N, C-alpha and C. Protein backbone atom coordinates (compact mmCIF):
# COMPACT_ATOMS: atom_id res chain seq x y z
N MET A 1 -16.52 -8.41 -6.89
CA MET A 1 -15.11 -8.05 -7.04
C MET A 1 -14.62 -8.42 -8.44
N PRO A 2 -13.70 -7.65 -8.94
CA PRO A 2 -13.19 -7.94 -10.28
C PRO A 2 -12.35 -9.21 -10.32
N THR A 3 -12.24 -9.76 -11.51
CA THR A 3 -11.36 -10.91 -11.76
C THR A 3 -10.13 -10.38 -12.49
N ILE A 4 -8.97 -10.70 -11.95
CA ILE A 4 -7.71 -10.21 -12.48
C ILE A 4 -6.85 -11.39 -12.90
N ALA A 5 -6.25 -11.29 -14.09
CA ALA A 5 -5.20 -12.24 -14.50
C ALA A 5 -3.87 -11.56 -14.21
N LEU A 6 -3.00 -12.25 -13.51
CA LEU A 6 -1.67 -11.75 -13.19
C LEU A 6 -0.67 -12.63 -13.91
N LEU A 7 0.06 -12.03 -14.84
CA LEU A 7 1.02 -12.77 -15.66
C LEU A 7 2.42 -12.32 -15.27
N GLY A 8 3.15 -13.21 -14.62
CA GLY A 8 4.48 -12.91 -14.13
C GLY A 8 4.47 -12.88 -12.61
N THR A 9 4.99 -13.94 -12.01
CA THR A 9 4.97 -14.05 -10.55
C THR A 9 6.38 -14.19 -9.99
N GLY A 10 7.23 -13.27 -10.42
CA GLY A 10 8.54 -13.14 -9.79
C GLY A 10 8.34 -12.46 -8.45
N LEU A 11 9.36 -11.83 -7.95
CA LEU A 11 9.29 -11.21 -6.62
C LEU A 11 8.20 -10.14 -6.54
N LEU A 12 8.21 -9.19 -7.47
CA LEU A 12 7.21 -8.12 -7.43
C LEU A 12 5.83 -8.65 -7.80
N GLY A 13 5.74 -9.47 -8.82
CA GLY A 13 4.45 -10.01 -9.23
C GLY A 13 3.78 -10.81 -8.12
N THR A 14 4.55 -11.60 -7.41
CA THR A 14 3.99 -12.37 -6.30
C THR A 14 3.48 -11.45 -5.20
N ALA A 15 4.22 -10.40 -4.88
CA ALA A 15 3.79 -9.46 -3.85
C ALA A 15 2.50 -8.74 -4.29
N ILE A 16 2.43 -8.35 -5.55
CA ILE A 16 1.20 -7.74 -6.08
C ILE A 16 0.04 -8.72 -5.97
N GLY A 17 0.29 -9.97 -6.31
CA GLY A 17 -0.75 -10.99 -6.22
C GLY A 17 -1.26 -11.18 -4.81
N HIS A 18 -0.34 -11.23 -3.85
CA HIS A 18 -0.76 -11.37 -2.44
C HIS A 18 -1.62 -10.19 -2.01
N ARG A 19 -1.22 -9.00 -2.42
CA ARG A 19 -2.00 -7.80 -2.07
C ARG A 19 -3.41 -7.89 -2.65
N LEU A 20 -3.52 -8.29 -3.90
CA LEU A 20 -4.84 -8.39 -4.54
C LEU A 20 -5.70 -9.44 -3.86
N LEU A 21 -5.11 -10.57 -3.50
CA LEU A 21 -5.86 -11.60 -2.78
C LEU A 21 -6.33 -11.09 -1.43
N GLN A 22 -5.46 -10.37 -0.72
CA GLN A 22 -5.84 -9.80 0.59
C GLN A 22 -7.01 -8.82 0.46
N GLN A 23 -7.11 -8.19 -0.70
CA GLN A 23 -8.18 -7.22 -0.92
C GLN A 23 -9.46 -7.88 -1.45
N GLY A 24 -9.46 -9.21 -1.55
CA GLY A 24 -10.65 -9.94 -1.95
C GLY A 24 -10.86 -10.11 -3.44
N MET A 25 -9.84 -9.84 -4.23
CA MET A 25 -9.95 -9.99 -5.68
C MET A 25 -9.92 -11.47 -6.06
N THR A 26 -10.61 -11.79 -7.15
CA THR A 26 -10.46 -13.11 -7.76
C THR A 26 -9.23 -13.02 -8.64
N LEU A 27 -8.26 -13.88 -8.39
CA LEU A 27 -6.97 -13.78 -9.06
C LEU A 27 -6.64 -15.07 -9.79
N ARG A 28 -6.29 -14.92 -11.06
CA ARG A 28 -5.78 -16.02 -11.87
C ARG A 28 -4.31 -15.71 -12.15
N VAL A 29 -3.45 -16.71 -12.03
CA VAL A 29 -2.01 -16.45 -12.14
C VAL A 29 -1.33 -17.37 -13.14
N TRP A 30 -0.26 -16.83 -13.75
CA TRP A 30 0.55 -17.58 -14.71
C TRP A 30 1.99 -17.11 -14.59
N ASN A 31 2.90 -18.04 -14.79
CA ASN A 31 4.32 -17.74 -14.90
C ASN A 31 4.94 -18.80 -15.81
N ARG A 32 5.97 -18.41 -16.55
CA ARG A 32 6.66 -19.39 -17.41
C ARG A 32 7.17 -20.57 -16.59
N THR A 33 7.57 -20.32 -15.35
CA THR A 33 7.97 -21.37 -14.43
C THR A 33 6.80 -21.56 -13.47
N PRO A 34 5.94 -22.54 -13.72
CA PRO A 34 4.69 -22.68 -12.95
C PRO A 34 4.87 -22.73 -11.43
N GLU A 35 6.00 -23.29 -10.94
CA GLU A 35 6.21 -23.39 -9.49
C GLU A 35 6.23 -22.02 -8.81
N ARG A 36 6.54 -20.99 -9.58
CA ARG A 36 6.57 -19.64 -9.02
C ARG A 36 5.17 -19.13 -8.66
N CYS A 37 4.16 -19.85 -9.04
CA CYS A 37 2.78 -19.50 -8.69
C CYS A 37 2.32 -20.18 -7.40
N ASP A 38 3.10 -21.13 -6.89
CA ASP A 38 2.66 -21.97 -5.78
C ASP A 38 2.18 -21.20 -4.56
N ALA A 39 2.91 -20.17 -4.14
CA ALA A 39 2.51 -19.41 -2.94
C ALA A 39 1.17 -18.71 -3.14
N LEU A 40 0.94 -18.20 -4.33
CA LEU A 40 -0.35 -17.55 -4.61
C LEU A 40 -1.47 -18.57 -4.71
N LEU A 41 -1.19 -19.72 -5.31
CA LEU A 41 -2.20 -20.77 -5.41
C LEU A 41 -2.59 -21.27 -4.02
N ALA A 42 -1.62 -21.37 -3.14
CA ALA A 42 -1.89 -21.82 -1.77
C ALA A 42 -2.75 -20.82 -1.00
N ASN A 43 -2.77 -19.57 -1.47
CA ASN A 43 -3.56 -18.53 -0.81
C ASN A 43 -4.85 -18.20 -1.55
N GLY A 44 -5.24 -19.03 -2.51
CA GLY A 44 -6.55 -18.86 -3.14
C GLY A 44 -6.58 -18.43 -4.58
N ALA A 45 -5.43 -18.18 -5.18
CA ALA A 45 -5.41 -17.85 -6.61
C ALA A 45 -5.73 -19.08 -7.43
N GLN A 46 -6.14 -18.87 -8.67
CA GLN A 46 -6.43 -19.96 -9.61
C GLN A 46 -5.32 -19.99 -10.66
N ALA A 47 -4.89 -21.17 -11.03
CA ALA A 47 -3.82 -21.32 -12.02
C ALA A 47 -4.36 -21.12 -13.43
N ILE A 48 -3.62 -20.39 -14.23
CA ILE A 48 -3.87 -20.31 -15.67
C ILE A 48 -3.02 -21.40 -16.30
N GLN A 49 -3.67 -22.39 -16.86
CA GLN A 49 -2.94 -23.52 -17.43
C GLN A 49 -2.33 -23.21 -18.79
N THR A 50 -3.06 -22.42 -19.57
CA THR A 50 -2.58 -22.03 -20.90
C THR A 50 -2.97 -20.59 -21.14
N LEU A 51 -2.09 -19.86 -21.81
CA LEU A 51 -2.37 -18.44 -22.04
C LEU A 51 -3.54 -18.22 -23.00
N ALA A 52 -3.66 -19.05 -24.01
CA ALA A 52 -4.74 -18.87 -24.99
C ALA A 52 -6.09 -18.89 -24.28
N GLY A 53 -6.82 -17.80 -24.42
CA GLY A 53 -8.14 -17.70 -23.82
C GLY A 53 -8.15 -17.27 -22.36
N ALA A 54 -7.00 -17.03 -21.76
CA ALA A 54 -6.93 -16.73 -20.33
C ALA A 54 -7.55 -15.38 -19.96
N ALA A 55 -7.72 -14.48 -20.91
CA ALA A 55 -8.29 -13.16 -20.59
C ALA A 55 -9.82 -13.21 -20.50
N GLU A 56 -10.42 -14.26 -21.02
CA GLU A 56 -11.88 -14.35 -21.00
C GLU A 56 -12.39 -14.33 -19.57
N GLY A 57 -13.34 -13.46 -19.31
CA GLY A 57 -13.93 -13.33 -17.98
C GLY A 57 -13.12 -12.45 -17.04
N CYS A 58 -12.03 -11.88 -17.51
CA CYS A 58 -11.21 -11.01 -16.67
C CYS A 58 -11.53 -9.55 -16.92
N ASP A 59 -11.47 -8.77 -15.87
CA ASP A 59 -11.63 -7.32 -15.99
C ASP A 59 -10.32 -6.67 -16.39
N ALA A 60 -9.22 -7.23 -15.89
CA ALA A 60 -7.90 -6.68 -16.18
C ALA A 60 -6.89 -7.80 -16.25
N VAL A 61 -5.84 -7.55 -17.02
CA VAL A 61 -4.70 -8.46 -17.15
C VAL A 61 -3.47 -7.65 -16.75
N ILE A 62 -2.94 -7.92 -15.57
CA ILE A 62 -1.74 -7.24 -15.09
C ILE A 62 -0.54 -8.07 -15.50
N THR A 63 0.45 -7.41 -16.10
CA THR A 63 1.68 -8.11 -16.44
C THR A 63 2.83 -7.52 -15.63
N VAL A 64 3.67 -8.39 -15.12
CA VAL A 64 4.88 -7.98 -14.41
C VAL A 64 5.99 -8.87 -14.98
N LEU A 65 6.39 -8.53 -16.19
CA LEU A 65 7.33 -9.35 -16.94
C LEU A 65 8.64 -8.61 -17.16
N ARG A 66 9.64 -9.31 -17.63
CA ARG A 66 11.01 -8.79 -17.69
C ARG A 66 11.17 -7.56 -18.55
N ASP A 67 10.46 -7.45 -19.68
CA ASP A 67 10.64 -6.30 -20.56
C ASP A 67 9.48 -6.23 -21.55
N GLY A 68 9.55 -5.24 -22.43
CA GLY A 68 8.48 -5.04 -23.40
C GLY A 68 8.34 -6.17 -24.40
N THR A 69 9.45 -6.76 -24.81
CA THR A 69 9.41 -7.86 -25.77
C THR A 69 8.69 -9.06 -25.18
N ALA A 70 9.05 -9.42 -23.96
CA ALA A 70 8.39 -10.56 -23.29
C ALA A 70 6.92 -10.26 -23.06
N THR A 71 6.61 -9.03 -22.67
CA THR A 71 5.22 -8.66 -22.42
C THR A 71 4.38 -8.76 -23.69
N ALA A 72 4.90 -8.24 -24.80
CA ALA A 72 4.16 -8.30 -26.06
C ALA A 72 3.91 -9.75 -26.48
N ALA A 73 4.91 -10.62 -26.32
CA ALA A 73 4.75 -12.02 -26.71
C ALA A 73 3.70 -12.71 -25.84
N VAL A 74 3.70 -12.45 -24.55
CA VAL A 74 2.74 -13.09 -23.65
C VAL A 74 1.33 -12.57 -23.92
N VAL A 75 1.18 -11.27 -24.14
CA VAL A 75 -0.14 -10.72 -24.45
C VAL A 75 -0.65 -11.28 -25.77
N GLU A 76 0.22 -11.41 -26.75
CA GLU A 76 -0.17 -11.99 -28.04
C GLU A 76 -0.70 -13.41 -27.85
N ALA A 77 -0.06 -14.17 -26.99
CA ALA A 77 -0.46 -15.56 -26.74
C ALA A 77 -1.84 -15.67 -26.09
N LEU A 78 -2.31 -14.59 -25.48
CA LEU A 78 -3.64 -14.61 -24.86
C LEU A 78 -4.75 -14.73 -25.90
N GLY A 79 -4.49 -14.26 -27.11
CA GLY A 79 -5.54 -14.23 -28.13
C GLY A 79 -6.51 -13.11 -27.83
N PRO A 80 -7.79 -13.28 -28.18
CA PRO A 80 -8.77 -12.22 -27.94
C PRO A 80 -8.82 -11.83 -26.46
N LEU A 81 -8.87 -10.51 -26.22
CA LEU A 81 -8.86 -9.99 -24.85
C LEU A 81 -10.26 -9.73 -24.30
N HIS A 82 -11.28 -9.76 -25.15
CA HIS A 82 -12.67 -9.62 -24.69
C HIS A 82 -12.86 -8.35 -23.87
N ARG A 83 -12.26 -7.24 -24.32
CA ARG A 83 -12.38 -5.91 -23.69
C ARG A 83 -11.68 -5.79 -22.34
N ALA A 84 -10.94 -6.80 -21.91
CA ALA A 84 -10.15 -6.67 -20.68
C ALA A 84 -9.10 -5.59 -20.87
N THR A 85 -8.71 -4.96 -19.78
CA THR A 85 -7.68 -3.93 -19.82
C THR A 85 -6.33 -4.56 -19.50
N VAL A 86 -5.38 -4.42 -20.41
CA VAL A 86 -4.02 -4.88 -20.18
C VAL A 86 -3.28 -3.77 -19.43
N ILE A 87 -2.70 -4.15 -18.29
CA ILE A 87 -2.00 -3.19 -17.43
C ILE A 87 -0.59 -3.70 -17.17
N PRO A 88 0.38 -3.31 -18.02
CA PRO A 88 1.75 -3.71 -17.75
C PRO A 88 2.33 -2.85 -16.61
N MET A 89 2.91 -3.51 -15.62
CA MET A 89 3.47 -2.79 -14.47
C MET A 89 4.99 -2.83 -14.44
N GLY A 90 5.59 -3.56 -15.35
CA GLY A 90 7.04 -3.61 -15.43
C GLY A 90 7.59 -2.45 -16.25
N THR A 91 8.89 -2.36 -16.30
CA THR A 91 9.56 -1.30 -17.04
C THR A 91 9.68 -1.69 -18.51
N MET A 92 9.33 -0.76 -19.39
CA MET A 92 9.54 -0.93 -20.82
C MET A 92 9.72 0.44 -21.45
N GLY A 93 10.23 0.45 -22.65
CA GLY A 93 10.45 1.70 -23.35
C GLY A 93 9.14 2.33 -23.83
N VAL A 94 9.21 3.61 -24.13
CA VAL A 94 8.04 4.34 -24.60
C VAL A 94 7.49 3.72 -25.88
N GLY A 95 8.36 3.46 -26.87
CA GLY A 95 7.93 2.86 -28.12
C GLY A 95 7.35 1.48 -27.93
N GLU A 96 7.94 0.70 -27.02
CA GLU A 96 7.41 -0.63 -26.73
C GLU A 96 6.01 -0.54 -26.14
N SER A 97 5.80 0.41 -25.26
CA SER A 97 4.48 0.57 -24.65
C SER A 97 3.45 1.01 -25.68
N GLN A 98 3.83 1.93 -26.53
CA GLN A 98 2.90 2.39 -27.58
C GLN A 98 2.56 1.26 -28.54
N ALA A 99 3.54 0.43 -28.89
CA ALA A 99 3.29 -0.72 -29.76
C ALA A 99 2.38 -1.73 -29.05
N LEU A 100 2.58 -1.94 -27.77
CA LEU A 100 1.73 -2.86 -27.02
C LEU A 100 0.30 -2.34 -26.93
N ALA A 101 0.14 -1.03 -26.82
CA ALA A 101 -1.21 -0.44 -26.81
C ALA A 101 -1.93 -0.73 -28.12
N ALA A 102 -1.22 -0.57 -29.24
CA ALA A 102 -1.82 -0.86 -30.55
C ALA A 102 -2.14 -2.35 -30.68
N GLN A 103 -1.25 -3.20 -30.22
CA GLN A 103 -1.47 -4.65 -30.25
C GLN A 103 -2.70 -5.01 -29.42
N THR A 104 -2.81 -4.44 -28.23
CA THR A 104 -3.93 -4.71 -27.34
C THR A 104 -5.25 -4.33 -28.00
N LYS A 105 -5.26 -3.20 -28.67
CA LYS A 105 -6.48 -2.77 -29.38
C LYS A 105 -6.84 -3.77 -30.48
N ARG A 106 -5.85 -4.26 -31.23
CA ARG A 106 -6.11 -5.26 -32.29
C ARG A 106 -6.67 -6.55 -31.69
N GLN A 107 -6.31 -6.83 -30.43
CA GLN A 107 -6.78 -8.05 -29.76
C GLN A 107 -8.09 -7.79 -29.00
N ASP A 108 -8.75 -6.68 -29.27
CA ASP A 108 -10.03 -6.32 -28.65
C ASP A 108 -9.90 -6.08 -27.15
N GLY A 109 -8.83 -5.38 -26.77
CA GLY A 109 -8.66 -5.03 -25.37
C GLY A 109 -8.45 -3.54 -25.20
N GLN A 110 -8.38 -3.13 -23.96
CA GLN A 110 -8.04 -1.76 -23.60
C GLN A 110 -6.64 -1.78 -23.01
N TYR A 111 -6.02 -0.61 -22.89
CA TYR A 111 -4.63 -0.56 -22.45
C TYR A 111 -4.41 0.60 -21.49
N LEU A 112 -3.69 0.31 -20.43
CA LEU A 112 -3.28 1.34 -19.48
C LEU A 112 -1.92 0.94 -18.93
N GLU A 113 -0.87 1.62 -19.39
CA GLU A 113 0.44 1.32 -18.82
C GLU A 113 0.45 1.84 -17.39
N ALA A 114 1.04 1.09 -16.50
CA ALA A 114 1.09 1.48 -15.09
C ALA A 114 2.38 1.01 -14.43
N PRO A 115 3.53 1.48 -14.95
CA PRO A 115 4.78 1.08 -14.32
C PRO A 115 4.82 1.59 -12.88
N VAL A 116 5.56 0.88 -12.05
CA VAL A 116 5.58 1.20 -10.63
C VAL A 116 6.99 1.48 -10.13
N LEU A 117 7.06 2.28 -9.09
CA LEU A 117 8.27 2.41 -8.29
C LEU A 117 7.95 1.78 -6.95
N GLY A 118 8.88 1.01 -6.46
CA GLY A 118 8.68 0.29 -5.21
C GLY A 118 9.00 -1.17 -5.44
N SER A 119 8.94 -1.91 -4.36
CA SER A 119 9.28 -3.32 -4.43
C SER A 119 8.29 -4.11 -3.59
N GLN A 120 8.72 -5.28 -3.13
CA GLN A 120 7.83 -6.17 -2.39
C GLN A 120 7.15 -5.51 -1.19
N PRO A 121 7.87 -4.83 -0.31
CA PRO A 121 7.18 -4.25 0.86
C PRO A 121 6.07 -3.27 0.47
N GLN A 122 6.35 -2.45 -0.54
CA GLN A 122 5.35 -1.48 -0.97
C GLN A 122 4.17 -2.16 -1.66
N ALA A 123 4.43 -3.20 -2.41
CA ALA A 123 3.33 -3.93 -3.06
C ALA A 123 2.43 -4.58 -2.01
N LEU A 124 3.04 -5.16 -0.98
CA LEU A 124 2.27 -5.84 0.05
C LEU A 124 1.42 -4.89 0.89
N THR A 125 1.88 -3.65 1.02
CA THR A 125 1.14 -2.67 1.83
C THR A 125 0.30 -1.71 0.99
N GLY A 126 0.32 -1.89 -0.32
CA GLY A 126 -0.48 -1.03 -1.19
C GLY A 126 0.07 0.39 -1.29
N THR A 127 1.40 0.52 -1.24
CA THR A 127 2.01 1.85 -1.28
C THR A 127 2.99 2.01 -2.45
N LEU A 128 2.78 1.24 -3.52
CA LEU A 128 3.60 1.45 -4.72
C LEU A 128 3.30 2.83 -5.30
N LEU A 129 4.24 3.37 -6.04
CA LEU A 129 4.01 4.60 -6.80
C LEU A 129 3.64 4.16 -8.21
N VAL A 130 2.40 4.44 -8.62
CA VAL A 130 1.91 4.05 -9.94
C VAL A 130 1.83 5.28 -10.83
N MET A 131 2.49 5.21 -11.99
CA MET A 131 2.50 6.30 -12.97
C MET A 131 1.81 5.81 -14.24
N ALA A 132 0.53 6.03 -14.35
CA ALA A 132 -0.25 5.47 -15.45
C ALA A 132 -0.21 6.36 -16.68
N GLY A 133 -0.19 5.71 -17.82
CA GLY A 133 -0.29 6.40 -19.09
C GLY A 133 -1.38 5.75 -19.92
N GLY A 134 -2.30 6.56 -20.41
CA GLY A 134 -3.40 6.03 -21.21
C GLY A 134 -4.58 6.97 -21.19
N ASP A 135 -5.66 6.54 -21.78
CA ASP A 135 -6.88 7.36 -21.84
C ASP A 135 -7.44 7.59 -20.44
N GLN A 136 -7.94 8.78 -20.22
CA GLN A 136 -8.54 9.11 -18.93
C GLN A 136 -9.68 8.17 -18.58
N GLU A 137 -10.49 7.81 -19.57
CA GLU A 137 -11.63 6.91 -19.33
C GLU A 137 -11.17 5.54 -18.81
N VAL A 138 -10.12 5.01 -19.40
CA VAL A 138 -9.61 3.70 -18.97
C VAL A 138 -8.97 3.83 -17.59
N PHE A 139 -8.26 4.93 -17.35
CA PHE A 139 -7.70 5.17 -16.02
C PHE A 139 -8.82 5.21 -14.97
N ASP A 140 -9.88 5.93 -15.28
CA ASP A 140 -11.01 6.02 -14.35
C ASP A 140 -11.63 4.64 -14.09
N GLN A 141 -11.75 3.83 -15.14
CA GLN A 141 -12.31 2.48 -14.99
C GLN A 141 -11.45 1.61 -14.08
N GLN A 142 -10.15 1.78 -14.15
CA GLN A 142 -9.22 0.92 -13.41
C GLN A 142 -8.72 1.55 -12.11
N HIS A 143 -9.20 2.73 -11.78
CA HIS A 143 -8.71 3.45 -10.61
C HIS A 143 -8.89 2.66 -9.32
N SER A 144 -10.04 2.02 -9.14
CA SER A 144 -10.25 1.28 -7.89
C SER A 144 -9.28 0.11 -7.78
N LEU A 145 -8.95 -0.54 -8.88
CA LEU A 145 -7.95 -1.62 -8.86
C LEU A 145 -6.58 -1.05 -8.50
N LEU A 146 -6.19 0.03 -9.18
CA LEU A 146 -4.88 0.63 -8.92
C LEU A 146 -4.78 1.14 -7.48
N ASN A 147 -5.90 1.58 -6.92
CA ASN A 147 -5.94 2.05 -5.53
C ASN A 147 -5.61 0.94 -4.54
N GLN A 148 -5.78 -0.32 -4.93
CA GLN A 148 -5.42 -1.43 -4.06
C GLN A 148 -3.91 -1.59 -3.95
N LEU A 149 -3.20 -1.05 -4.94
CA LEU A 149 -1.75 -1.22 -5.01
C LEU A 149 -0.97 0.05 -4.71
N ALA A 150 -1.64 1.19 -4.78
CA ALA A 150 -0.99 2.49 -4.57
C ALA A 150 -1.91 3.40 -3.79
N GLU A 151 -1.34 4.23 -2.93
CA GLU A 151 -2.15 5.16 -2.16
C GLU A 151 -2.79 6.22 -3.06
N ALA A 152 -2.06 6.63 -4.08
CA ALA A 152 -2.57 7.68 -4.96
C ALA A 152 -2.06 7.46 -6.38
N PRO A 153 -2.67 6.48 -7.10
CA PRO A 153 -2.22 6.27 -8.48
C PRO A 153 -2.42 7.53 -9.31
N GLN A 154 -1.44 7.83 -10.13
CA GLN A 154 -1.48 9.05 -10.93
C GLN A 154 -1.51 8.73 -12.41
N ARG A 155 -2.40 9.40 -13.14
CA ARG A 155 -2.35 9.37 -14.60
C ARG A 155 -1.46 10.53 -15.01
N VAL A 156 -0.37 10.21 -15.69
CA VAL A 156 0.60 11.24 -16.05
C VAL A 156 0.47 11.70 -17.50
N GLY A 157 -0.47 11.11 -18.26
CA GLY A 157 -0.67 11.52 -19.64
C GLY A 157 -1.06 10.35 -20.51
N PRO A 158 -0.93 10.53 -21.84
CA PRO A 158 -1.28 9.45 -22.76
C PRO A 158 -0.29 8.30 -22.71
N VAL A 159 -0.59 7.22 -23.43
CA VAL A 159 0.30 6.06 -23.49
C VAL A 159 1.71 6.54 -23.87
N GLY A 160 2.66 6.06 -23.13
CA GLY A 160 4.06 6.44 -23.30
C GLY A 160 4.52 7.35 -22.18
N SER A 161 3.60 8.11 -21.61
CA SER A 161 3.95 9.03 -20.52
C SER A 161 4.35 8.29 -19.26
N GLY A 162 3.66 7.21 -18.94
CA GLY A 162 4.00 6.42 -17.76
C GLY A 162 5.38 5.80 -17.91
N ALA A 163 5.64 5.22 -19.09
CA ALA A 163 6.94 4.61 -19.34
C ALA A 163 8.05 5.65 -19.26
N ALA A 164 7.83 6.83 -19.84
CA ALA A 164 8.83 7.89 -19.83
C ALA A 164 9.08 8.38 -18.40
N THR A 165 8.02 8.52 -17.62
CA THR A 165 8.16 8.97 -16.24
C THR A 165 8.95 7.97 -15.42
N LYS A 166 8.64 6.68 -15.59
CA LYS A 166 9.36 5.63 -14.86
C LYS A 166 10.84 5.64 -15.22
N ILE A 167 11.15 5.75 -16.49
CA ILE A 167 12.55 5.76 -16.92
C ILE A 167 13.27 6.98 -16.34
N ALA A 168 12.61 8.14 -16.35
CA ALA A 168 13.22 9.34 -15.80
C ALA A 168 13.46 9.19 -14.30
N LEU A 169 12.50 8.68 -13.58
CA LEU A 169 12.66 8.50 -12.13
C LEU A 169 13.72 7.46 -11.81
N ASN A 170 13.86 6.43 -12.65
CA ASN A 170 14.91 5.44 -12.43
C ASN A 170 16.29 6.09 -12.54
N GLN A 171 16.41 7.13 -13.37
CA GLN A 171 17.69 7.81 -13.55
C GLN A 171 18.09 8.59 -12.31
N LEU A 172 17.10 8.99 -11.51
CA LEU A 172 17.40 9.71 -10.27
C LEU A 172 17.99 8.78 -9.26
């Protein structure tokens, strides 16, 4: 099973973490407020004590953070990504996502934006709506992971397309 780093364990992040643990994933977790990781740690997740080096040995780094600025800062703090795929699932602007993709590449990682529609109940049951933006090859590599969180994850185009789709759907 893959090893996943989950950065951001608020309401949605915690629900995503529980779903991944239920599916047998090895999960490492971090939050700026460490106590927010307690429920996941009690269910078998491993604590990330420091961001520097936390991507080593991970197949993917899922972020569920407040915005693009916070996400970029946290990913930067990871240092080298060792070819792990950064998968931001929170809402951010198209330009922010494209900048994060470039940053991820500079840090020796891959990038697949995957903003979601849905909340805790959908995350826990694996029925989130995932709108991925990025290279088809990276989407294909991460499809089995995304399938744990969504019934039918969709690649909607290149980087920026997922962010644009999420923003458009939020307007509805």
